[in-house]
Amino acid sequence: MTDSVMTQVIAILKDVIPNYDTSFWHDETELVGAIAEFDSMAIVTIIGEIEDRFDVVIDDEDINAENFATVTTLTKLIAERAS
């Protein structure tokens, strides 16, 4: 997992959920269940942005609390799909 991928993931999250200061977003920021704005609509938007930016496909079975638990777990999912 590269820092570049994580930086881009954080940029996507900040764009979709702009209510938080830049310092809020880091590798262990909790997502599902921790951020009220991280709802189903935000997840759909984030997935679309990820698929476009990284040219990957996020399968339905990948959309779960484990993969969307933190910025790190989401970044790992993208790295796996991109390889």
PDB file of N, CA and C in Angstrom:
ATOM      1  N   MET A   1       0.853  -1.170   0.000  1.00  0.00           N
ATOM      2  CA  MET A   1       0.000   0.000   0.000  1.00  0.00           C
ATOM      3  C   MET A   1       0.898   1.231   0.000  1.00  0.00           C
ATOM      4  N   THR A   2       0.649   2.103  -0.910  1.00  0.00           N
ATOM      5  CA  THR A   2       1.491   3.287  -1.003  1.00  0.00           C
ATOM      6  C   THR A   2       0.841   4.476  -0.320  1.00  0.00           C
ATOM      7  N   ASP A   3       1.700   5.395   0.072  1.00  0.00           N
ATOM      8  CA  ASP A   3       1.195   6.628   0.678  1.00  0.00           C
ATOM      9  C   ASP A   3       0.365   7.415  -0.326  1.00  0.00           C
ATOM     10  N   SER A   4       0.738   7.297  -1.604  1.00  0.00           N
ATOM     11  CA  SER A   4       0.009   8.004  -2.653  1.00  0.00           C
ATOM     12  C   SER A   4      -1.447   7.553  -2.722  1.00  0.00           C
ATOM     13  N   VAL A   5      -1.672   6.240  -2.627  1.00  0.00           N
ATOM     14  CA  VAL A   5      -3.040   5.716  -2.661  1.00  0.00           C
ATOM     15  C   VAL A   5      -3.812   6.239  -1.458  1.00  0.00           C
ATOM     16  N   MET A   6      -3.193   6.184  -0.287  1.00  0.00           N
ATOM     17  CA  MET A   6      -3.882   6.657   0.915  1.00  0.00           C
ATOM     18  C   MET A   6      -4.173   8.154   0.817  1.00  0.00           C
ATOM     19  N   THR A   7      -3.242   8.912   0.296  1.00  0.00           N
ATOM     20  CA  THR A   7      -3.450  10.348   0.128  1.00  0.00           C
ATOM     21  C   THR A   7      -4.646  10.614  -0.777  1.00  0.00           C
ATOM     22  N   GLN A   8      -4.768   9.841  -1.845  1.00  0.00           N
ATOM     23  CA  GLN A   8      -5.897  10.002  -2.762  1.00  0.00           C
ATOM     24  C   GLN A   8      -7.215   9.563  -2.112  1.00  0.00           C
ATOM     25  N   VAL A   9      -7.165   8.494  -1.313  1.00  0.00           N
ATOM     26  CA  VAL A   9      -8.364   8.037  -0.599  1.00  0.00           C
ATOM     27  C   VAL A   9      -8.834   9.133   0.361  1.00  0.00           C
ATOM     28  N   ILE A  10      -7.907   9.711   1.089  1.00  0.00           N
ATOM     29  CA  ILE A  10      -8.261  10.787   2.020  1.00  0.00           C
ATOM     30  C   ILE A  10      -8.835  11.980   1.260  1.00  0.00           C
ATOM     31  N   ALA A  11      -8.278  12.283   0.098  1.00  0.00           N
ATOM     32  CA  ALA A  11      -8.804  13.390  -0.713  1.00  0.00           C
ATOM     33  C   ALA A  11     -10.248  13.113  -1.132  1.00  0.00           C
ATOM     34  N   ILE A  12     -10.534  11.875  -1.516  1.00  0.00           N
ATOM     35  CA  ILE A  12     -11.903  11.496  -1.885  1.00  0.00           C
ATOM     36  C   ILE A  12     -12.829  11.650  -0.680  1.00  0.00           C
ATOM     37  N   LEU A  13     -12.402  11.135   0.461  1.00  0.00           N
ATOM     38  CA  LEU A  13     -13.223  11.227   1.670  1.00  0.00           C
ATOM     39  C   LEU A  13     -13.500  12.682   2.040  1.00  0.00           C
ATOM     40  N   LYS A  14     -12.477  13.536   1.954  1.00  0.00           N
ATOM     41  CA  LYS A  14     -12.656  14.955   2.271  1.00  0.00           C
ATOM     42  C   LYS A  14     -13.620  15.623   1.302  1.00  0.00           C
ATOM     43  N   ASP A  15     -13.580  15.218   0.035  1.00  0.00           N
ATOM     44  CA  ASP A  15     -14.497  15.795  -0.953  1.00  0.00           C
ATOM     45  C   ASP A  15     -15.943  15.373  -0.698  1.00  0.00           C
ATOM     46  N   VAL A  16     -16.127  14.100  -0.361  1.00  0.00           N
ATOM     47  CA  VAL A  16     -17.480  13.567  -0.170  1.00  0.00           C
ATOM     48  C   VAL A  16     -18.051  13.970   1.191  1.00  0.00           C
ATOM     49  N   ILE A  17     -17.189  14.022   2.194  1.00  0.00           N
ATOM     50  CA  ILE A  17     -17.619  14.381   3.555  1.00  0.00           C
ATOM     51  C   ILE A  17     -16.778  15.577   4.015  1.00  0.00           C
ATOM     52  N   PRO A  18     -17.137  16.777   3.574  1.00  0.00           N
ATOM     53  CA  PRO A  18     -16.297  17.954   3.828  1.00  0.00           C
ATOM     54  C   PRO A  18     -16.459  18.589   5.212  1.00  0.00           C
ATOM     55  N   ASN A  19     -17.236  17.982   6.076  1.00  0.00           N
ATOM     56  CA  ASN A  19     -17.549  18.588   7.379  1.00  0.00           C
ATOM     57  C   ASN A  19     -16.403  18.536   8.382  1.00  0.00           C
ATOM     58  N   TYR A  20     -15.301  17.885   8.030  1.00  0.00           N
ATOM     59  CA  TYR A  20     -14.220  17.686   8.986  1.00  0.00           C
ATOM     60  C   TYR A  20     -12.945  18.364   8.510  1.00  0.00           C
ATOM     61  N   ASP A  21     -12.187  18.891   9.456  1.00  0.00           N
ATOM     62  CA  ASP A  21     -10.912  19.531   9.185  1.00  0.00           C
ATOM     63  C   ASP A  21      -9.925  18.517   8.602  1.00  0.00           C
ATOM     64  N   THR A  22      -8.969  18.989   7.852  1.00  0.00           N
ATOM     65  CA  THR A  22      -7.965  18.123   7.230  1.00  0.00           C
ATOM     66  C   THR A  22      -7.257  17.257   8.264  1.00  0.00           C
ATOM     67  N   SER A  23      -6.998  17.786   9.438  1.00  0.00           N
ATOM     68  CA  SER A  23      -6.285  17.024  10.471  1.00  0.00           C
ATOM     69  C   SER A  23      -7.097  15.838  10.996  1.00  0.00           C
ATOM     70  N   PHE A  24      -8.403  15.828  10.746  1.00  0.00           N
ATOM     71  CA  PHE A  24      -9.263  14.724  11.179  1.00  0.00           C
ATOM     72  C   PHE A  24      -8.934  13.439  10.433  1.00  0.00           C
ATOM     73  N   TRP A  25      -8.559  13.577   9.153  1.00  0.00           N
ATOM     74  CA  TRP A  25      -8.356  12.416   8.282  1.00  0.00           C
ATOM     75  C   TRP A  25      -6.929  11.897   8.387  1.00  0.00           C
ATOM     76  N   HIS A  26      -6.798  10.633   8.766  1.00  0.00           N
ATOM     77  CA  HIS A  26      -5.494   9.966   8.824  1.00  0.00           C
ATOM     78  C   HIS A  26      -5.718   8.474   8.635  1.00  0.00           C
ATOM     79  N   ASP A  27      -4.647   7.697   8.677  1.00  0.00           N
ATOM     80  CA  ASP A  27      -4.734   6.270   8.335  1.00  0.00           C
ATOM     81  C   ASP A  27      -5.692   5.480   9.206  1.00  0.00           C
ATOM     82  N   GLU A  28      -5.839   5.842  10.457  1.00  0.00           N
ATOM     83  CA  GLU A  28      -6.709   5.072  11.351  1.00  0.00           C
ATOM     84  C   GLU A  28      -8.039   5.768  11.651  1.00  0.00           C
ATOM     85  N   THR A  29      -8.397   6.754  10.864  1.00  0.00           N
ATOM     86  CA  THR A  29      -9.713   7.374  11.033  1.00  0.00           C
ATOM     87  C   THR A  29     -10.782   6.314  10.818  1.00  0.00           C
ATOM     88  N   GLU A  30     -11.650   6.147  11.803  1.00  0.00           N
ATOM     89  CA  GLU A  30     -12.732   5.170  11.694  1.00  0.00           C
ATOM     90  C   GLU A  30     -13.832   5.739  10.811  1.00  0.00           C
ATOM     91  N   LEU A  31     -14.414   4.872  10.000  1.00  0.00           N
ATOM     92  CA  LEU A  31     -15.418   5.310   9.037  1.00  0.00           C
ATOM     93  C   LEU A  31     -16.804   4.796   9.403  1.00  0.00           C
ATOM     94  N   VAL A  32     -17.110   3.548   9.081  1.00  0.00           N
ATOM     95  CA  VAL A  32     -18.445   2.985   9.315  1.00  0.00           C
ATOM     96  C   VAL A  32     -18.769   3.003  10.808  1.00  0.00           C
ATOM     97  N   GLY A  33     -19.886   3.594  11.135  1.00  0.00           N
ATOM     98  CA  GLY A  33     -20.339   3.633  12.520  1.00  0.00           C
ATOM     99  C   GLY A  33     -19.729   4.739  13.352  1.00  0.00           C
ATOM    100  N   ALA A  34     -18.696   5.399  12.832  1.00  0.00           N
ATOM    101  CA  ALA A  34     -18.025   6.437  13.603  1.00  0.00           C
ATOM    102  C   ALA A  34     -18.327   7.840  13.091  1.00  0.00           C
ATOM    103  N   ILE A  35     -18.667   7.945  11.812  1.00  0.00           N
ATOM    104  CA  ILE A  35     -18.945   9.238  11.189  1.00  0.00           C
ATOM    105  C   ILE A  35     -20.397   9.225  10.721  1.00  0.00           C
ATOM    106  N   ALA A  36     -21.195  10.103  11.290  1.00  0.00           N
ATOM    107  CA  ALA A  36     -22.630  10.120  10.961  1.00  0.00           C
ATOM    108  C   ALA A  36     -22.869  10.316   9.470  1.00  0.00           C
ATOM    109  N   GLU A  37     -22.043  11.129   8.827  1.00  0.00           N
ATOM    110  CA  GLU A  37     -22.220  11.411   7.405  1.00  0.00           C
ATOM    111  C   GLU A  37     -21.774  10.262   6.505  1.00  0.00           C
ATOM    112  N   PHE A  38     -21.118   9.269   7.077  1.00  0.00           N
ATOM    113  CA  PHE A  38     -20.650   8.115   6.301  1.00  0.00           C
ATOM    114  C   PHE A  38     -21.804   7.124   6.193  1.00  0.00           C
ATOM    115  N   ASP A  39     -22.800   7.523   5.411  1.00  0.00           N
ATOM    116  CA  ASP A  39     -24.002   6.715   5.239  1.00  0.00           C
ATOM    117  C   ASP A  39     -23.984   6.026   3.876  1.00  0.00           C
ATOM    118  N   SER A  40     -25.073   5.366   3.536  1.00  0.00           N
ATOM    119  CA  SER A  40     -25.110   4.598   2.289  1.00  0.00           C
ATOM    120  C   SER A  40     -24.899   5.478   1.059  1.00  0.00           C
ATOM    121  N   MET A  41     -25.428   6.683   1.072  1.00  0.00           N
ATOM    122  CA  MET A  41     -25.227   7.583  -0.072  1.00  0.00           C
ATOM    123  C   MET A  41     -23.766   7.995  -0.193  1.00  0.00           C
ATOM    124  N   ALA A  42     -23.129   8.266   0.929  1.00  0.00           N
ATOM    125  CA  ALA A  42     -21.707   8.617   0.906  1.00  0.00           C
ATOM    126  C   ALA A  42     -20.880   7.440   0.406  1.00  0.00           C
ATOM    127  N   ILE A  43     -21.218   6.239   0.853  1.00  0.00           N
ATOM    128  CA  ILE A  43     -20.478   5.049   0.426  1.00  0.00           C
ATOM    129  C   ILE A  43     -20.599   4.854  -1.080  1.00  0.00           C
ATOM    130  N   VAL A  44     -21.789   5.009  -1.623  1.00  0.00           N
ATOM    131  CA  VAL A  44     -21.983   4.866  -3.073  1.00  0.00           C
ATOM    132  C   VAL A  44     -21.149   5.903  -3.823  1.00  0.00           C
ATOM    133  N   THR A  45     -21.152   7.128  -3.341  1.00  0.00           N
ATOM    134  CA  THR A  45     -20.370   8.188  -3.977  1.00  0.00           C
ATOM    135  C   THR A  45     -18.880   7.897  -3.883  1.00  0.00           C
ATOM    136  N   ILE A  46     -18.422   7.464  -2.718  1.00  0.00           N
ATOM    137  CA  ILE A  46     -17.010   7.144  -2.514  1.00  0.00           C
ATOM    138  C   ILE A  46     -16.587   5.997  -3.420  1.00  0.00           C
ATOM    139  N   ILE A  47     -17.404   4.976  -3.520  1.00  0.00           N
ATOM    140  CA  ILE A  47     -17.081   3.838  -4.395  1.00  0.00           C
ATOM    141  C   ILE A  47     -16.954   4.307  -5.845  1.00  0.00           C
ATOM    142  N   GLY A  48     -17.871   5.135  -6.296  1.00  0.00           N
ATOM    143  CA  GLY A  48     -17.796   5.663  -7.657  1.00  0.00           C
ATOM    144  C   GLY A  48     -16.514   6.442  -7.898  1.00  0.00           C
ATOM    145  N   GLU A  49     -16.152   7.278  -6.946  1.00  0.00           N
ATOM    146  CA  GLU A  49     -14.917   8.058  -7.059  1.00  0.00           C
ATOM    147  C   GLU A  49     -13.687   7.152  -7.075  1.00  0.00           C
ATOM    148  N   ILE A  50     -13.681   6.146  -6.211  1.00  0.00           N
ATOM    149  CA  ILE A  50     -12.562   5.198  -6.157  1.00  0.00           C
ATOM    150  C   ILE A  50     -12.438   4.455  -7.477  1.00  0.00           C
ATOM    151  N   GLU A  51     -13.551   3.948  -7.981  1.00  0.00           N
ATOM    152  CA  GLU A  51     -13.522   3.186  -9.233  1.00  0.00           C
ATOM    153  C   GLU A  51     -13.025   4.051 -10.387  1.00  0.00           C
ATOM    154  N   ASP A  52     -13.445   5.297 -10.436  1.00  0.00           N
ATOM    155  CA  ASP A  52     -12.994   6.201 -11.496  1.00  0.00           C
ATOM    156  C   ASP A  52     -11.517   6.556 -11.356  1.00  0.00           C
ATOM    157  N   ARG A  53     -11.112   6.918 -10.160  1.00  0.00           N
ATOM    158  CA  ARG A  53      -9.746   7.399  -9.952  1.00  0.00           C
ATOM    159  C   ARG A  53      -8.707   6.293 -10.085  1.00  0.00           C
ATOM    160  N   PHE A  54      -9.031   5.096  -9.584  1.00  0.00           N
ATOM    161  CA  PHE A  54      -8.045   4.017  -9.562  1.00  0.00           C
ATOM    162  C   PHE A  54      -8.277   2.972 -10.646  1.00  0.00           C
ATOM    163  N   ASP A  55      -9.316   3.151 -11.452  1.00  0.00           N
ATOM    164  CA  ASP A  55      -9.654   2.206 -12.521  1.00  0.00           C
ATOM    165  C   ASP A  55      -9.777   0.783 -11.970  1.00  0.00           C
ATOM    166  N   VAL A  56     -10.546   0.651 -10.901  1.00  0.00           N
ATOM    167  CA  VAL A  56     -10.806  -0.644 -10.270  1.00  0.00           C
ATOM    168  C   VAL A  56     -12.313  -0.845 -10.170  1.00  0.00           C
ATOM    169  N   VAL A  57     -12.703  -2.075  -9.870  1.00  0.00           N
ATOM    170  CA  VAL A  57     -14.107  -2.391  -9.630  1.00  0.00           C
ATOM    171  C   VAL A  57     -14.233  -2.890  -8.198  1.00  0.00           C
ATOM    172  N   ILE A  58     -15.113  -2.273  -7.438  1.00  0.00           N
ATOM    173  CA  ILE A  58     -15.402  -2.718  -6.078  1.00  0.00           C
ATOM    174  C   ILE A  58     -16.661  -3.574  -6.168  1.00  0.00           C
ATOM    175  N   ASP A  59     -16.506  -4.864  -5.931  1.00  0.00           N
ATOM    176  CA  ASP A  59     -17.631  -5.795  -6.013  1.00  0.00           C
ATOM    177  C   ASP A  59     -18.573  -5.610  -4.823  1.00  0.00           C
ATOM    178  N   ASP A  60     -19.824  -5.996  -5.027  1.00  0.00           N
ATOM    179  CA  ASP A  60     -20.821  -5.876  -3.957  1.00  0.00           C
ATOM    180  C   ASP A  60     -20.375  -6.571  -2.675  1.00  0.00           C
ATOM    181  N   GLU A  61     -19.748  -7.746  -2.803  1.00  0.00           N
ATOM    182  CA  GLU A  61     -19.328  -8.478  -1.604  1.00  0.00           C
ATOM    183  C   GLU A  61     -18.174  -7.791  -0.868  1.00  0.00           C
ATOM    184  N   ASP A  62     -17.522  -6.822  -1.527  1.00  0.00           N
ATOM    185  CA  ASP A  62     -16.451  -6.065  -0.877  1.00  0.00           C
ATOM    186  C   ASP A  62     -16.986  -4.904  -0.045  1.00  0.00           C
ATOM    187  N   ILE A  63     -18.255  -4.595  -0.221  1.00  0.00           N
ATOM    188  CA  ILE A  63     -18.852  -3.468   0.499  1.00  0.00           C
ATOM    189  C   ILE A  63     -19.369  -3.986   1.837  1.00  0.00           C
ATOM    190  N   ASN A  64     -18.478  -3.937   2.829  1.00  0.00           N
ATOM    191  CA  ASN A  64     -18.825  -4.427   4.156  1.00  0.00           C
ATOM    192  C   ASN A  64     -18.105  -3.598   5.218  1.00  0.00           C
ATOM    193  N   ALA A  65     -18.515  -3.783   6.448  1.00  0.00           N
ATOM    194  CA  ALA A  65     -17.959  -2.996   7.551  1.00  0.00           C
ATOM    195  C   ALA A  65     -16.469  -3.233   7.735  1.00  0.00           C
ATOM    196  N   GLU A  66     -15.996  -4.418   7.422  1.00  0.00           N
ATOM    197  CA  GLU A  66     -14.566  -4.716   7.576  1.00  0.00           C
ATOM    198  C   GLU A  66     -13.721  -3.882   6.613  1.00  0.00           C
ATOM    199  N   ASN A  67     -14.107  -3.847   5.342  1.00  0.00           N
ATOM    200  CA  ASN A  67     -13.336  -3.107   4.343  1.00  0.00           C
ATOM    201  C   ASN A  67     -13.478  -1.595   4.480  1.00  0.00           C
ATOM    202  N   PHE A  68     -14.578  -1.154   5.068  1.00  0.00           N
ATOM    203  CA  PHE A  68     -14.822   0.274   5.224  1.00  0.00           C
ATOM    204  C   PHE A  68     -14.690   0.706   6.689  1.00  0.00           C
ATOM    205  N   ALA A  69     -13.929  -0.034   7.469  1.00  0.00           N
ATOM    206  CA  ALA A  69     -13.767   0.270   8.893  1.00  0.00           C
ATOM    207  C   ALA A  69     -12.916   1.514   9.125  1.00  0.00           C
ATOM    208  N   THR A  70     -11.793   1.603   8.418  1.00  0.00           N
ATOM    209  CA  THR A  70     -10.872   2.730   8.586  1.00  0.00           C
ATOM    210  C   THR A  70     -10.319   3.142   7.226  1.00  0.00           C
ATOM    211  N   VAL A  71      -9.608   4.243   7.210  1.00  0.00           N
ATOM    212  CA  VAL A  71      -8.946   4.679   5.977  1.00  0.00           C
ATOM    213  C   VAL A  71      -7.961   3.605   5.523  1.00  0.00           C
ATOM    214  N   THR A  72      -7.250   2.984   6.451  1.00  0.00           N
ATOM    215  CA  THR A  72      -6.285   1.938   6.099  1.00  0.00           C
ATOM    216  C   THR A  72      -6.961   0.738   5.458  1.00  0.00           C
ATOM    217  N   THR A  73      -8.061   0.258   6.017  1.00  0.00           N
ATOM    218  CA  THR A  73      -8.709  -0.926   5.433  1.00  0.00           C
ATOM    219  C   THR A  73      -9.274  -0.613   4.056  1.00  0.00           C
ATOM    220  N   LEU A  74      -9.767   0.582   3.865  1.00  0.00           N
ATOM    221  CA  LEU A  74     -10.268   0.978   2.550  1.00  0.00           C
ATOM    222  C   LEU A  74      -9.116   1.079   1.550  1.00  0.00           C
ATOM    223  N   THR A  75      -7.997   1.622   1.982  1.00  0.00           N
ATOM    224  CA  THR A  75      -6.815   1.724   1.122  1.00  0.00           C
ATOM    225  C   THR A  75      -6.302   0.342   0.741  1.00  0.00           C
ATOM    226  N   LYS A  76      -6.287  -0.588   1.686  1.00  0.00           N
ATOM    227  CA  LYS A  76      -5.855  -1.961   1.392  1.00  0.00           C
ATOM    228  C   LYS A  76      -6.756  -2.610   0.352  1.00  0.00           C
ATOM    229  N   LEU A  77      -8.053  -2.401   0.455  1.00  0.00           N
ATOM    230  CA  LEU A  77      -8.990  -2.945  -0.527  1.00  0.00           C
ATOM    231  C   LEU A  77      -8.653  -2.421  -1.922  1.00  0.00           C
ATOM    232  N   ILE A  78      -8.412  -1.141  -2.029  1.00  0.00           N
ATOM    233  CA  ILE A  78      -8.082  -0.546  -3.326  1.00  0.00           C
ATOM    234  C   ILE A  78      -6.776  -1.118  -3.859  1.00  0.00           C
ATOM    235  N   ALA A  79      -5.777  -1.238  -2.990  1.00  0.00           N
ATOM    236  CA  ALA A  79      -4.485  -1.788  -3.415  1.00  0.00           C
ATOM    237  C   ALA A  79      -4.640  -3.217  -3.923  1.00  0.00           C
ATOM    238  N   GLU A  80      -5.473  -4.013  -3.260  1.00  0.00           N
ATOM    239  CA  GLU A  80      -5.721  -5.392  -3.703  1.00  0.00           C
ATOM    240  C   GLU A  80      -6.403  -5.414  -5.063  1.00  0.00           C
ATOM    241  N   ARG A  81      -7.372  -4.549  -5.270  1.00  0.00           N
ATOM    242  CA  ARG A  81      -8.107  -4.519  -6.541  1.00  0.00           C
ATOM    243  C   ARG A  81      -7.242  -3.979  -7.672  1.00  0.00           C
ATOM    244  N   ALA A  82      -6.310  -3.104  -7.346  1.00  0.00           N
ATOM    245  CA  ALA A  82      -5.462  -2.490  -8.370  1.00  0.00           C
ATOM    246  C   ALA A  82      -4.326  -3.400  -8.819  1.00  0.00           C
ATOM    247  N   SER A  83      -4.040  -4.429  -8.038  1.00  0.00           N
ATOM    248  CA  SER A  83      -2.900  -5.295  -8.391  1.00  0.00           C
ATOM    249  C   SER A  83      -3.291  -6.417  -9.318  1.00  0.00           C
TER     250      SER A  83
END
